[in-house]
């Protein structure tokens, strides 16, 4: 059902292989609060093909990157990892919607769950 919802909303689900990389970035860099774009940029450095999925819909590469960051924040960080208590998310409102900042930090539970990893 979860994958179906993502497809009907225009998103492809992130597969476990790529999710593993994202979790490793959270473990490495998530000890302090960082913008979601920090994590999405790291993922795009390794897997630039992710941007192809967004470039067709958006007018520029920068807007496509923002859309990808929004996808990670809404779908992965907020609806999955925060719900499980593995990360804390925080939104800082800007003067416009595009000026909003979305912040991520791993929790102690994340460290306990992934201590062996």
PDB file of N, CA and C in Angstrom:
ATOM      1  N   UNK A   1       0.823  -1.197   0.000  1.00  0.00           N
ATOM      2  CA  UNK A   1       0.000   0.000   0.000  1.00  0.00           C
ATOM      3  C   UNK A   1       0.865   1.257   0.000  1.00  0.00           C
ATOM      4  N   UNK A   2       1.938   1.281   0.786  1.00  0.00           N
ATOM      5  CA  UNK A   2       2.795   2.449   0.869  1.00  0.00           C
ATOM      6  C   UNK A   2       3.405   2.819  -0.470  1.00  0.00           C
ATOM      7  N   UNK A   3       3.865   1.818  -1.224  1.00  0.00           N
ATOM      8  CA  UNK A   3       4.441   2.103  -2.532  1.00  0.00           C
ATOM      9  C   UNK A   3       3.378   2.657  -3.468  1.00  0.00           C
ATOM     10  N   UNK A   4       2.150   2.124  -3.399  1.00  0.00           N
ATOM     11  CA  UNK A   4       1.065   2.609  -4.245  1.00  0.00           C
ATOM     12  C   UNK A   4       0.799   4.080  -3.981  1.00  0.00           C
ATOM     13  N   UNK A   5       0.771   4.478  -2.718  1.00  0.00           N
ATOM     14  CA  UNK A   5       0.517   5.879  -2.371  1.00  0.00           C
ATOM     15  C   UNK A   5       1.597   6.764  -2.961  1.00  0.00           C
ATOM     16  N   UNK A   6       2.842   6.338  -2.878  1.00  0.00           N
ATOM     17  CA  UNK A   6       3.920   7.145  -3.442  1.00  0.00           C
ATOM     18  C   UNK A   6       3.754   7.304  -4.949  1.00  0.00           C
ATOM     19  N   UNK A   7       3.393   6.241  -5.644  1.00  0.00           N
ATOM     20  CA  UNK A   7       3.210   6.332  -7.085  1.00  0.00           C
ATOM     21  C   UNK A   7       2.042   7.239  -7.447  1.00  0.00           C
ATOM     22  N   UNK A   8       0.927   7.148  -6.716  1.00  0.00           N
ATOM     23  CA  UNK A   8      -0.229   7.979  -7.046  1.00  0.00           C
ATOM     24  C   UNK A   8       0.035   9.446  -6.754  1.00  0.00           C
ATOM     25  N   UNK A   9       0.964   9.739  -5.879  1.00  0.00           N
ATOM     26  CA  UNK A   9       1.323  11.123  -5.595  1.00  0.00           C
ATOM     27  C   UNK A   9       2.476  11.595  -6.478  1.00  0.00           C
ATOM     28  N   UNK A  10       2.920  10.752  -7.398  1.00  0.00           N
ATOM     29  CA  UNK A  10       3.962  11.149  -8.331  1.00  0.00           C
ATOM     30  C   UNK A  10       5.379  10.875  -7.866  1.00  0.00           C
ATOM     31  N   UNK A  11       5.548  10.114  -6.815  1.00  0.00           N
ATOM     32  CA  UNK A  11       6.873   9.787  -6.304  1.00  0.00           C
ATOM     33  C   UNK A  11       7.161   8.305  -6.482  1.00  0.00           C
ATOM     34  N   UNK A  12       8.406   8.000  -6.776  1.00  0.00           N
ATOM     35  CA  UNK A  12       8.836   6.611  -6.771  1.00  0.00           C
ATOM     36  C   UNK A  12       9.429   6.336  -5.394  1.00  0.00           C
ATOM     37  N   UNK A  13       9.185   5.160  -4.850  1.00  0.00           N
ATOM     38  CA  UNK A  13       9.762   4.862  -3.531  1.00  0.00           C
ATOM     39  C   UNK A  13      11.283   4.718  -3.632  1.00  0.00           C
ATOM     40  N   UNK A  14      11.954   5.025  -2.554  1.00  0.00           N
ATOM     41  CA  UNK A  14      13.405   4.837  -2.496  1.00  0.00           C
ATOM     42  C   UNK A  14      13.653   3.382  -2.113  1.00  0.00           C
ATOM     43  N   UNK A  15      14.547   2.741  -2.826  1.00  0.00           N
ATOM     44  CA  UNK A  15      14.763   1.317  -2.546  1.00  0.00           C
ATOM     45  C   UNK A  15      15.703   1.140  -1.355  1.00  0.00           C
ATOM     46  N   UNK A  16      15.703  -0.047  -0.758  1.00  0.00           N
ATOM     47  CA  UNK A  16      16.515  -0.293   0.444  1.00  0.00           C
ATOM     48  C   UNK A  16      18.012  -0.045   0.244  1.00  0.00           C
ATOM     49  N   UNK A  17      18.517  -0.286  -0.946  1.00  0.00           N
ATOM     50  CA  UNK A  17      19.932  -0.043  -1.223  1.00  0.00           C
ATOM     51  C   UNK A  17      20.280   1.431  -1.004  1.00  0.00           C
ATOM     52  N   UNK A  18      19.481   2.329  -1.578  1.00  0.00           N
ATOM     53  CA  UNK A  18      19.719   3.766  -1.434  1.00  0.00           C
ATOM     54  C   UNK A  18      19.391   4.247  -0.023  1.00  0.00           C
ATOM     55  N   UNK A  19      18.378   3.643   0.589  1.00  0.00           N
ATOM     56  CA  UNK A  19      18.030   3.993   1.959  1.00  0.00           C
ATOM     57  C   UNK A  19      19.189   3.677   2.901  1.00  0.00           C
ATOM     58  N   UNK A  20      19.904   2.592   2.642  1.00  0.00           N
ATOM     59  CA  UNK A  20      21.078   2.246   3.446  1.00  0.00           C
ATOM     60  C   UNK A  20      22.130   3.341   3.413  1.00  0.00           C
ATOM     61  N   UNK A  21      22.355   3.923   2.231  1.00  0.00           N
ATOM     62  CA  UNK A  21      23.301   5.036   2.132  1.00  0.00           C
ATOM     63  C   UNK A  21      22.806   6.245   2.917  1.00  0.00           C
ATOM     64  N   UNK A  22      21.516   6.528   2.806  1.00  0.00           N
ATOM     65  CA  UNK A  22      20.959   7.658   3.543  1.00  0.00           C
ATOM     66  C   UNK A  22      21.112   7.454   5.047  1.00  0.00           C
ATOM     67  N   UNK A  23      20.861   6.252   5.527  1.00  0.00           N
ATOM     68  CA  UNK A  23      21.038   5.956   6.950  1.00  0.00           C
ATOM     69  C   UNK A  23      22.493   6.111   7.374  1.00  0.00           C
ATOM     70  N   UNK A  24      23.419   5.721   6.512  1.00  0.00           N
ATOM     71  CA  UNK A  24      24.837   5.892   6.860  1.00  0.00           C
ATOM     72  C   UNK A  24      25.217   7.368   6.929  1.00  0.00           C
ATOM     73  N   UNK A  25      24.616   8.202   6.067  1.00  0.00           N
ATOM     74  CA  UNK A  25      24.867   9.647   6.146  1.00  0.00           C
ATOM     75  C   UNK A  25      24.304  10.227   7.439  1.00  0.00           C
ATOM     76  N   UNK A  26      23.136   9.741   7.839  1.00  0.00           N
ATOM     77  CA  UNK A  26      22.542  10.205   9.094  1.00  0.00           C
ATOM     78  C   UNK A  26      23.436   9.818  10.264  1.00  0.00           C
ATOM     79  N   UNK A  27      23.946   8.600  10.230  1.00  0.00           N
ATOM     80  CA  UNK A  27      24.818   8.169  11.322  1.00  0.00           C
ATOM     81  C   UNK A  27      26.102   8.998  11.358  1.00  0.00           C
ATOM     82  N   UNK A  28      26.654   9.267  10.207  1.00  0.00           N
ATOM     83  CA  UNK A  28      27.923  10.003  10.139  1.00  0.00           C
ATOM     84  C   UNK A  28      27.758  11.485  10.444  1.00  0.00           C
ATOM     85  N   UNK A  29      26.722  12.112   9.868  1.00  0.00           N
ATOM     86  CA  UNK A  29      26.611  13.570   9.922  1.00  0.00           C
ATOM     87  C   UNK A  29      25.428  14.086  10.743  1.00  0.00           C
ATOM     88  N   UNK A  30      24.568  13.209  11.220  1.00  0.00           N
ATOM     89  CA  UNK A  30      23.331  13.646  11.853  1.00  0.00           C
ATOM     90  C   UNK A  30      23.414  13.944  13.328  1.00  0.00           C
ATOM     91  N   UNK A  31      24.604  13.971  13.904  1.00  0.00           N
ATOM     92  CA  UNK A  31      24.747  14.256  15.324  1.00  0.00           C
ATOM     93  C   UNK A  31      24.364  15.674  15.688  1.00  0.00           C
ATOM     94  N   UNK A  32      24.439  16.551  14.735  1.00  0.00           N
ATOM     95  CA  UNK A  32      23.962  17.916  14.947  1.00  0.00           C
ATOM     96  C   UNK A  32      22.922  18.221  13.879  1.00  0.00           C
ATOM     97  N   UNK A  33      22.093  19.183  14.152  1.00  0.00           N
ATOM     98  CA  UNK A  33      21.003  19.520  13.250  1.00  0.00           C
ATOM     99  C   UNK A  33      21.560  20.031  11.923  1.00  0.00           C
ATOM    100  N   UNK A  34      21.049  19.451  10.829  1.00  0.00           N
ATOM    101  CA  UNK A  34      21.461  19.867   9.492  1.00  0.00           C
ATOM    102  C   UNK A  34      20.235  19.991   8.608  1.00  0.00           C
ATOM    103  N   UNK A  35      20.359  20.824   7.586  1.00  0.00           N
ATOM    104  CA  UNK A  35      19.272  20.960   6.636  1.00  0.00           C
ATOM    105  C   UNK A  35      19.144  19.684   5.815  1.00  0.00           C
ATOM    106  N   UNK A  36      17.932  19.393   5.410  1.00  0.00           N
ATOM    107  CA  UNK A  36      17.672  18.189   4.620  1.00  0.00           C
ATOM    108  C   UNK A  36      18.480  18.222   3.322  1.00  0.00           C
ATOM    109  N   UNK A  37      18.725  19.401   2.785  1.00  0.00           N
ATOM    110  CA  UNK A  37      19.500  19.511   1.548  1.00  0.00           C
ATOM    111  C   UNK A  37      20.917  18.966   1.717  1.00  0.00           C
ATOM    112  N   UNK A  38      21.459  19.027   2.931  1.00  0.00           N
ATOM    113  CA  UNK A  38      22.773  18.453   3.180  1.00  0.00           C
ATOM    114  C   UNK A  38      22.763  16.961   2.851  1.00  0.00           C
ATOM    115  N   UNK A  39      21.721  16.269   3.310  1.00  0.00           N
ATOM    116  CA  UNK A  39      21.620  14.827   3.081  1.00  0.00           C
ATOM    117  C   UNK A  39      21.261  14.506   1.631  1.00  0.00           C
ATOM    118  N   UNK A  40      20.355  15.291   1.056  1.00  0.00           N
ATOM    119  CA  UNK A  40      19.982  15.028  -0.335  1.00  0.00           C
ATOM    120  C   UNK A  40      21.158  15.295  -1.268  1.00  0.00           C
ATOM    121  N   UNK A  41      21.955  16.316  -0.988  1.00  0.00           N
ATOM    122  CA  UNK A  41      23.139  16.583  -1.816  1.00  0.00           C
ATOM    123  C   UNK A  41      24.133  15.424  -1.765  1.00  0.00           C
ATOM    124  N   UNK A  42      24.325  14.835  -0.578  1.00  0.00           N
ATOM    125  CA  UNK A  42      25.240  13.692  -0.455  1.00  0.00           C
ATOM    126  C   UNK A  42      24.733  12.500  -1.274  1.00  0.00           C
ATOM    127  N   UNK A  43      23.434  12.278  -1.203  1.00  0.00           N
ATOM    128  CA  UNK A  43      22.838  11.171  -1.947  1.00  0.00           C
ATOM    129  C   UNK A  43      22.941  11.409  -3.457  1.00  0.00           C
ATOM    130  N   UNK A  44      22.730  12.657  -3.878  1.00  0.00           N
ATOM    131  CA  UNK A  44      22.829  12.976  -5.304  1.00  0.00           C
ATOM    132  C   UNK A  44      24.263  12.910  -5.818  1.00  0.00           C
ATOM    133  N   UNK A  45      25.234  13.154  -4.951  1.00  0.00           N
ATOM    134  CA  UNK A  45      26.630  13.008  -5.370  1.00  0.00           C
ATOM    135  C   UNK A  45      26.928  11.561  -5.764  1.00  0.00           C
ATOM    136  N   UNK A  46      26.371  10.621  -5.013  1.00  0.00           N
ATOM    137  CA  UNK A  46      26.590   9.201  -5.300  1.00  0.00           C
ATOM    138  C   UNK A  46      25.666   8.670  -6.386  1.00  0.00           C
ATOM    139  N   UNK A  47      24.440   9.187  -6.422  1.00  0.00           N
ATOM    140  CA  UNK A  47      23.422   8.669  -7.339  1.00  0.00           C
ATOM    141  C   UNK A  47      22.754   9.830  -8.089  1.00  0.00           C
ATOM    142  N   UNK A  48      23.470  10.434  -9.026  1.00  0.00           N
ATOM    143  CA  UNK A  48      22.911  11.593  -9.734  1.00  0.00           C
ATOM    144  C   UNK A  48      21.674  11.265 -10.566  1.00  0.00           C
ATOM    145  N   UNK A  49      21.446   9.998 -10.846  1.00  0.00           N
ATOM    146  CA  UNK A  49      20.265   9.613 -11.625  1.00  0.00           C
ATOM    147  C   UNK A  49      18.958   9.910 -10.897  1.00  0.00           C
ATOM    148  N   UNK A  50      18.999  10.069  -9.578  1.00  0.00           N
ATOM    149  CA  UNK A  50      17.794  10.460  -8.845  1.00  0.00           C
ATOM    150  C   UNK A  50      17.223  11.764  -9.406  1.00  0.00           C
ATOM    151  N   UNK A  51      18.102  12.663  -9.781  1.00  0.00           N
ATOM    152  CA  UNK A  51      17.662  13.972 -10.264  1.00  0.00           C
ATOM    153  C   UNK A  51      16.930  13.862 -11.597  1.00  0.00           C
ATOM    154  N   UNK A  52      17.253  12.848 -12.388  1.00  0.00           N
ATOM    155  CA  UNK A  52      16.576  12.657 -13.674  1.00  0.00           C
ATOM    156  C   UNK A  52      15.073  12.505 -13.481  1.00  0.00           C
ATOM    157  N   UNK A  53      14.673  11.871 -12.407  1.00  0.00           N
ATOM    158  CA  UNK A  53      13.249  11.668 -12.131  1.00  0.00           C
ATOM    159  C   UNK A  53      12.516  12.980 -11.910  1.00  0.00           C
ATOM    160  N   UNK A  54      13.244  14.010 -11.470  1.00  0.00           N
ATOM    161  CA  UNK A  54      12.639  15.301 -11.149  1.00  0.00           C
ATOM    162  C   UNK A  54      12.872  16.344 -12.234  1.00  0.00           C
ATOM    163  N   UNK A  55      13.953  16.200 -12.988  1.00  0.00           N
ATOM    164  CA  UNK A  55      14.309  17.201 -13.994  1.00  0.00           C
ATOM    165  C   UNK A  55      13.245  17.345 -15.071  1.00  0.00           C
ATOM    166  N   UNK A  56      12.543  16.265 -15.384  1.00  0.00           N
ATOM    167  CA  UNK A  56      11.505  16.328 -16.417  1.00  0.00           C
ATOM    168  C   UNK A  56      10.331  17.203 -15.991  1.00  0.00           C
ATOM    169  N   UNK A  57      10.063  17.268 -14.695  1.00  0.00           N
ATOM    170  CA  UNK A  57       8.903  17.999 -14.188  1.00  0.00           C
ATOM    171  C   UNK A  57       9.192  19.452 -13.833  1.00  0.00           C
ATOM    172  N   UNK A  58      10.456  19.780 -13.588  1.00  0.00           N
ATOM    173  CA  UNK A  58      10.777  21.107 -13.058  1.00  0.00           C
ATOM    174  C   UNK A  58      11.647  21.882 -14.036  1.00  0.00           C
ATOM    175  N   UNK A  59      11.556  23.199 -13.941  1.00  0.00           N
ATOM    176  CA  UNK A  59      12.163  24.082 -14.943  1.00  0.00           C
ATOM    177  C   UNK A  59      13.673  24.224 -14.837  1.00  0.00           C
ATOM    178  N   UNK A  60      14.240  23.877 -13.705  1.00  0.00           N
ATOM    179  CA  UNK A  60      15.694  24.005 -13.568  1.00  0.00           C
ATOM    180  C   UNK A  60      16.237  22.903 -12.657  1.00  0.00           C
ATOM    181  N   UNK A  61      17.524  22.704 -12.724  1.00  0.00           N
ATOM    182  CA  UNK A  61      18.160  21.700 -11.876  1.00  0.00           C
ATOM    183  C   UNK A  61      18.022  22.064 -10.401  1.00  0.00           C
ATOM    184  N   UNK A  62      18.108  23.352 -10.103  1.00  0.00           N
ATOM    185  CA  UNK A  62      17.998  23.799  -8.710  1.00  0.00           C
ATOM    186  C   UNK A  62      16.613  23.480  -8.145  1.00  0.00           C
ATOM    187  N   UNK A  63      15.580  23.710  -8.924  1.00  0.00           N
ATOM    188  CA  UNK A  63      14.215  23.413  -8.479  1.00  0.00           C
ATOM    189  C   UNK A  63      14.025  21.906  -8.354  1.00  0.00           C
ATOM    190  N   UNK A  64      14.626  21.138  -9.256  1.00  0.00           N
ATOM    191  CA  UNK A  64      14.555  19.677  -9.175  1.00  0.00           C
ATOM    192  C   UNK A  64      15.236  19.186  -7.894  1.00  0.00           C
ATOM    193  N   UNK A  65      16.364  19.796  -7.529  1.00  0.00           N
ATOM    194  CA  UNK A  65      17.051  19.425  -6.279  1.00  0.00           C
ATOM    195  C   UNK A  65      16.186  19.751  -5.063  1.00  0.00           C
ATOM    196  N   UNK A  66      15.509  20.895  -5.104  1.00  0.00           N
ATOM    197  CA  UNK A  66      14.613  21.262  -4.003  1.00  0.00           C
ATOM    198  C   UNK A  66      13.467  20.268  -3.892  1.00  0.00           C
ATOM    199  N   UNK A  67      12.948  19.830  -5.029  1.00  0.00           N
ATOM    200  CA  UNK A  67      11.857  18.852  -5.021  1.00  0.00           C
ATOM    201  C   UNK A  67      12.335  17.521  -4.446  1.00  0.00           C
ATOM    202  N   UNK A  68      13.536  17.111  -4.804  1.00  0.00           N
ATOM    203  CA  UNK A  68      14.088  15.869  -4.272  1.00  0.00           C
ATOM    204  C   UNK A  68      14.299  15.985  -2.765  1.00  0.00           C
ATOM    205  N   UNK A  69      14.819  17.114  -2.310  1.00  0.00           N
ATOM    206  CA  UNK A  69      14.989  17.346  -0.866  1.00  0.00           C
ATOM    207  C   UNK A  69      13.637  17.304  -0.159  1.00  0.00           C
ATOM    208  N   UNK A  70      12.628  17.905  -0.774  1.00  0.00           N
ATOM    209  CA  UNK A  70      11.285  17.880  -0.200  1.00  0.00           C
ATOM    210  C   UNK A  70      10.740  16.469  -0.096  1.00  0.00           C
ATOM    211  N   UNK A  71      11.001  15.674  -1.120  1.00  0.00           N
ATOM    212  CA  UNK A  71      10.588  14.267  -1.088  1.00  0.00           C
ATOM    213  C   UNK A  71      11.251  13.548   0.078  1.00  0.00           C
ATOM    214  N   UNK A  72      12.558  13.716   0.233  1.00  0.00           N
ATOM    215  CA  UNK A  72      13.259  13.054   1.338  1.00  0.00           C
ATOM    216  C   UNK A  72      12.719  13.513   2.685  1.00  0.00           C
ATOM    217  N   UNK A  73      12.500  14.810   2.825  1.00  0.00           N
ATOM    218  CA  UNK A  73      12.009  15.318   4.102  1.00  0.00           C
ATOM    219  C   UNK A  73      10.615  14.777   4.412  1.00  0.00           C
ATOM    220  N   UNK A  74       9.710  14.916   3.448  1.00  0.00           N
ATOM    221  CA  UNK A  74       8.318  14.520   3.695  1.00  0.00           C
ATOM    222  C   UNK A  74       8.136  13.018   3.804  1.00  0.00           C
ATOM    223  N   UNK A  75       8.725  12.282   2.918  1.00  0.00           N
ATOM    224  CA  UNK A  75       8.463  10.840   2.841  1.00  0.00           C
ATOM    225  C   UNK A  75       9.374  10.014   3.725  1.00  0.00           C
ATOM    226  N   UNK A  76      10.642  10.322   3.732  1.00  0.00           N
ATOM    227  CA  UNK A  76      11.605   9.471   4.444  1.00  0.00           C
ATOM    228  C   UNK A  76      11.836   9.974   5.869  1.00  0.00           C
ATOM    229  N   UNK A  77      12.201  11.239   6.009  1.00  0.00           N
ATOM    230  CA  UNK A  77      12.528  11.741   7.342  1.00  0.00           C
ATOM    231  C   UNK A  77      11.281  11.901   8.218  1.00  0.00           C
ATOM    232  N   UNK A  78      10.277  12.624   7.737  1.00  0.00           N
ATOM    233  CA  UNK A  78       9.097  12.906   8.568  1.00  0.00           C
ATOM    234  C   UNK A  78       8.181  11.707   8.745  1.00  0.00           C
ATOM    235  N   UNK A  79       7.846  11.056   7.639  1.00  0.00           N
ATOM    236  CA  UNK A  79       6.835  10.000   7.698  1.00  0.00           C
ATOM    237  C   UNK A  79       7.395   8.634   8.048  1.00  0.00           C
ATOM    238  N   UNK A  80       8.671   8.451   7.983  1.00  0.00           N
ATOM    239  CA  UNK A  80       9.234   7.145   8.319  1.00  0.00           C
ATOM    240  C   UNK A  80      10.146   7.244   9.534  1.00  0.00           C
ATOM    241  N   UNK A  81      11.273   7.898   9.377  1.00  0.00           N
ATOM    242  CA  UNK A  81      12.286   7.884  10.435  1.00  0.00           C
ATOM    243  C   UNK A  81      11.857   8.639  11.689  1.00  0.00           C
ATOM    244  N   UNK A  82      11.172   9.765  11.536  1.00  0.00           N
ATOM    245  CA  UNK A  82      10.702  10.504  12.718  1.00  0.00           C
ATOM    246  C   UNK A  82       9.601   9.731  13.431  1.00  0.00           C
ATOM    247  N   UNK A  83       8.726   9.090  12.663  1.00  0.00           N
ATOM    248  CA  UNK A  83       7.651   8.295  13.268  1.00  0.00           C
ATOM    249  C   UNK A  83       8.209   7.124  14.075  1.00  0.00           C
ATOM    250  N   UNK A  84       9.343   6.600  13.635  1.00  0.00           N
ATOM    251  CA  UNK A  84       9.992   5.505  14.366  1.00  0.00           C
ATOM    252  C   UNK A  84      10.867   6.010  15.517  1.00  0.00           C
ATOM    253  N   UNK A  85      11.010   7.329  15.627  1.00  0.00           N
ATOM    254  CA  UNK A  85      11.823   7.908  16.693  1.00  0.00           C
ATOM    255  C   UNK A  85      13.308   7.901  16.405  1.00  0.00           C
ATOM    256  N   UNK A  86      13.679   7.713  15.142  1.00  0.00           N
ATOM    257  CA  UNK A  86      15.099   7.622  14.782  1.00  0.00           C
ATOM    258  C   UNK A  86      15.722   8.971  14.467  1.00  0.00           C
ATOM    259  N   UNK A  87      14.906   9.936  14.059  1.00  0.00           N
ATOM    260  CA  UNK A  87      15.389  11.297  13.812  1.00  0.00           C
ATOM    261  C   UNK A  87      14.382  12.283  14.382  1.00  0.00           C
ATOM    262  N   UNK A  88      14.858  13.492  14.609  1.00  0.00           N
ATOM    263  CA  UNK A  88      13.986  14.609  14.964  1.00  0.00           C
ATOM    264  C   UNK A  88      13.981  15.546  13.769  1.00  0.00           C
ATOM    265  N   UNK A  89      12.804  16.034  13.421  1.00  0.00           N
ATOM    266  CA  UNK A  89      12.695  16.983  12.323  1.00  0.00           C
ATOM    267  C   UNK A  89      12.174  18.301  12.874  1.00  0.00           C
ATOM    268  N   UNK A  90      12.558  19.367  12.191  1.00  0.00           N
ATOM    269  CA  UNK A  90      12.099  20.693  12.605  1.00  0.00           C
ATOM    270  C   UNK A  90      12.009  21.568  11.371  1.00  0.00           C
ATOM    271  N   UNK A  91      10.920  22.311  11.295  1.00  0.00           N
ATOM    272  CA  UNK A  91      10.725  23.243  10.186  1.00  0.00           C
ATOM    273  C   UNK A  91      10.863  24.663  10.713  1.00  0.00           C
ATOM    274  N   UNK A  92      11.701  25.450  10.038  1.00  0.00           N
ATOM    275  CA  UNK A  92      11.867  26.857  10.374  1.00  0.00           C
ATOM    276  C   UNK A  92      11.247  27.654   9.240  1.00  0.00           C
ATOM    277  N   UNK A  93      10.168  28.362   9.562  1.00  0.00           N
ATOM    278  CA  UNK A  93       9.437  29.123   8.540  1.00  0.00           C
ATOM    279  C   UNK A  93      10.254  30.321   8.080  1.00  0.00           C
ATOM    280  N   UNK A  94      10.293  30.500   6.764  1.00  0.00           N
ATOM    281  CA  UNK A  94      10.913  31.666   6.164  1.00  0.00           C
ATOM    282  C   UNK A  94       9.856  32.665   5.735  1.00  0.00           C
ATOM    283  N   UNK A  95      10.289  33.707   5.073  1.00  0.00           N
ATOM    284  CA  UNK A  95       9.338  34.724   4.627  1.00  0.00           C
ATOM    285  C   UNK A  95       8.452  34.202   3.494  1.00  0.00           C
ATOM    286  N   UNK A  96       8.950  33.225   2.722  1.00  0.00           N
ATOM    287  CA  UNK A  96       8.153  32.564   1.692  1.00  0.00           C
ATOM    288  C   UNK A  96       8.332  31.061   1.861  1.00  0.00           C
ATOM    289  N   UNK A  97       7.474  30.299   1.192  1.00  0.00           N
ATOM    290  CA  UNK A  97       7.542  28.831   1.280  1.00  0.00           C
ATOM    291  C   UNK A  97       8.924  28.321   0.869  1.00  0.00           C
ATOM    292  N   UNK A  98       9.483  28.898  -0.179  1.00  0.00           N
ATOM    293  CA  UNK A  98      10.792  28.423  -0.649  1.00  0.00           C
ATOM    294  C   UNK A  98      11.928  28.799   0.301  1.00  0.00           C
ATOM    295  N   UNK A  99      11.670  29.714   1.227  1.00  0.00           N
ATOM    296  CA  UNK A  99      12.680  30.097   2.219  1.00  0.00           C
ATOM    297  C   UNK A  99      12.634  29.240   3.480  1.00  0.00           C
ATOM    298  N   UNK A 100      11.636  28.359   3.583  1.00  0.00           N
ATOM    299  CA  UNK A 100      11.553  27.487   4.751  1.00  0.00           C
ATOM    300  C   UNK A 100      12.776  26.585   4.823  1.00  0.00           C
ATOM    301  N   UNK A 101      13.194  26.280   6.041  1.00  0.00           N
ATOM    302  CA  UNK A 101      14.311  25.360   6.259  1.00  0.00           C
ATOM    303  C   UNK A 101      13.778  24.128   6.975  1.00  0.00           C
ATOM    304  N   UNK A 102      14.257  22.980   6.530  1.00  0.00           N
ATOM    305  CA  UNK A 102      13.833  21.710   7.108  1.00  0.00           C
ATOM    306  C   UNK A 102      15.060  21.042   7.689  1.00  0.00           C
ATOM    307  N   UNK A 103      15.038  20.850   8.996  1.00  0.00           N
ATOM    308  CA  UNK A 103      16.215  20.398   9.722  1.00  0.00           C
ATOM    309  C   UNK A 103      16.030  18.978  10.247  1.00  0.00           C
ATOM    310  N   UNK A 104      17.144  18.252  10.274  1.00  0.00           N
ATOM    311  CA  UNK A 104      17.164  16.848  10.678  1.00  0.00           C
ATOM    312  C   UNK A 104      18.285  16.653  11.691  1.00  0.00           C
ATOM    313  N   UNK A 105      18.013  15.815  12.691  1.00  0.00           N
ATOM    314  CA  UNK A 105      19.059  15.381  13.634  1.00  0.00           C
ATOM    315  C   UNK A 105      18.711  13.971  14.085  1.00  0.00           C
ATOM    316  N   UNK A 106      19.716  13.132  14.170  1.00  0.00           N
ATOM    317  CA  UNK A 106      19.454  11.768  14.633  1.00  0.00           C
ATOM    318  C   UNK A 106      19.207  11.781  16.140  1.00  0.00           C
ATOM    319  N   UNK A 107      18.523  10.768  16.620  1.00  0.00           N
ATOM    320  CA  UNK A 107      18.204  10.655  18.040  1.00  0.00           C
ATOM    321  C   UNK A 107      19.124   9.623  18.697  1.00  0.00           C
ATOM    322  N   UNK A 108      19.040   9.541  20.002  1.00  0.00           N
ATOM    323  CA  UNK A 108      19.782   8.507  20.724  1.00  0.00           C
ATOM    324  C   UNK A 108      19.311   7.118  20.311  1.00  0.00           C
ATOM    325  N   UNK A 109      18.028   6.990  20.035  1.00  0.00           N
ATOM    326  CA  UNK A 109      17.495   5.704  19.589  1.00  0.00           C
ATOM    327  C   UNK A 109      18.155   5.277  18.278  1.00  0.00           C
ATOM    328  N   UNK A 110      18.377   6.218  17.372  1.00  0.00           N
ATOM    329  CA  UNK A 110      19.058   5.899  16.120  1.00  0.00           C
ATOM    330  C   UNK A 110      20.418   5.278  16.437  1.00  0.00           C
ATOM    331  N   UNK A 111      21.150   5.915  17.345  1.00  0.00           N
ATOM    332  CA  UNK A 111      22.476   5.405  17.703  1.00  0.00           C
ATOM    333  C   UNK A 111      22.387   4.008  18.310  1.00  0.00           C
ATOM    334  N   UNK A 112      21.367   3.757  19.097  1.00  0.00           N
ATOM    335  CA  UNK A 112      21.210   2.445  19.714  1.00  0.00           C
ATOM    336  C   UNK A 112      20.818   1.393  18.683  1.00  0.00           C
ATOM    337  N   UNK A 113      19.939   1.745  17.775  1.00  0.00           N
ATOM    338  CA  UNK A 113      19.474   0.790  16.765  1.00  0.00           C
ATOM    339  C   UNK A 113      20.592   0.447  15.794  1.00  0.00           C
ATOM    340  N   UNK A 114      21.374   1.428  15.408  1.00  0.00           N
ATOM    341  CA  UNK A 114      22.397   1.217  14.400  1.00  0.00           C
ATOM    342  C   UNK A 114      23.805   1.163  14.968  1.00  0.00           C
ATOM    343  N   UNK A 115      23.945   0.840  16.243  1.00  0.00           N
ATOM    344  CA  UNK A 115      25.262   0.797  16.883  1.00  0.00           C
ATOM    345  C   UNK A 115      26.174  -0.232  16.239  1.00  0.00           C
ATOM    346  N   UNK A 116      25.624  -1.345  15.816  1.00  0.00           N
ATOM    347  CA  UNK A 116      26.438  -2.420  15.229  1.00  0.00           C
ATOM    348  C   UNK A 116      26.838  -2.083  13.816  1.00  0.00           C
ATOM    349  N   UNK A 117      25.984  -1.335  13.127  1.00  0.00           N
ATOM    350  CA  UNK A 117      26.213  -1.006  11.733  1.00  0.00           C
ATOM    351  C   UNK A 117      27.432  -0.173  11.615  1.00  0.00           C
TER     352      UNK A 117
END
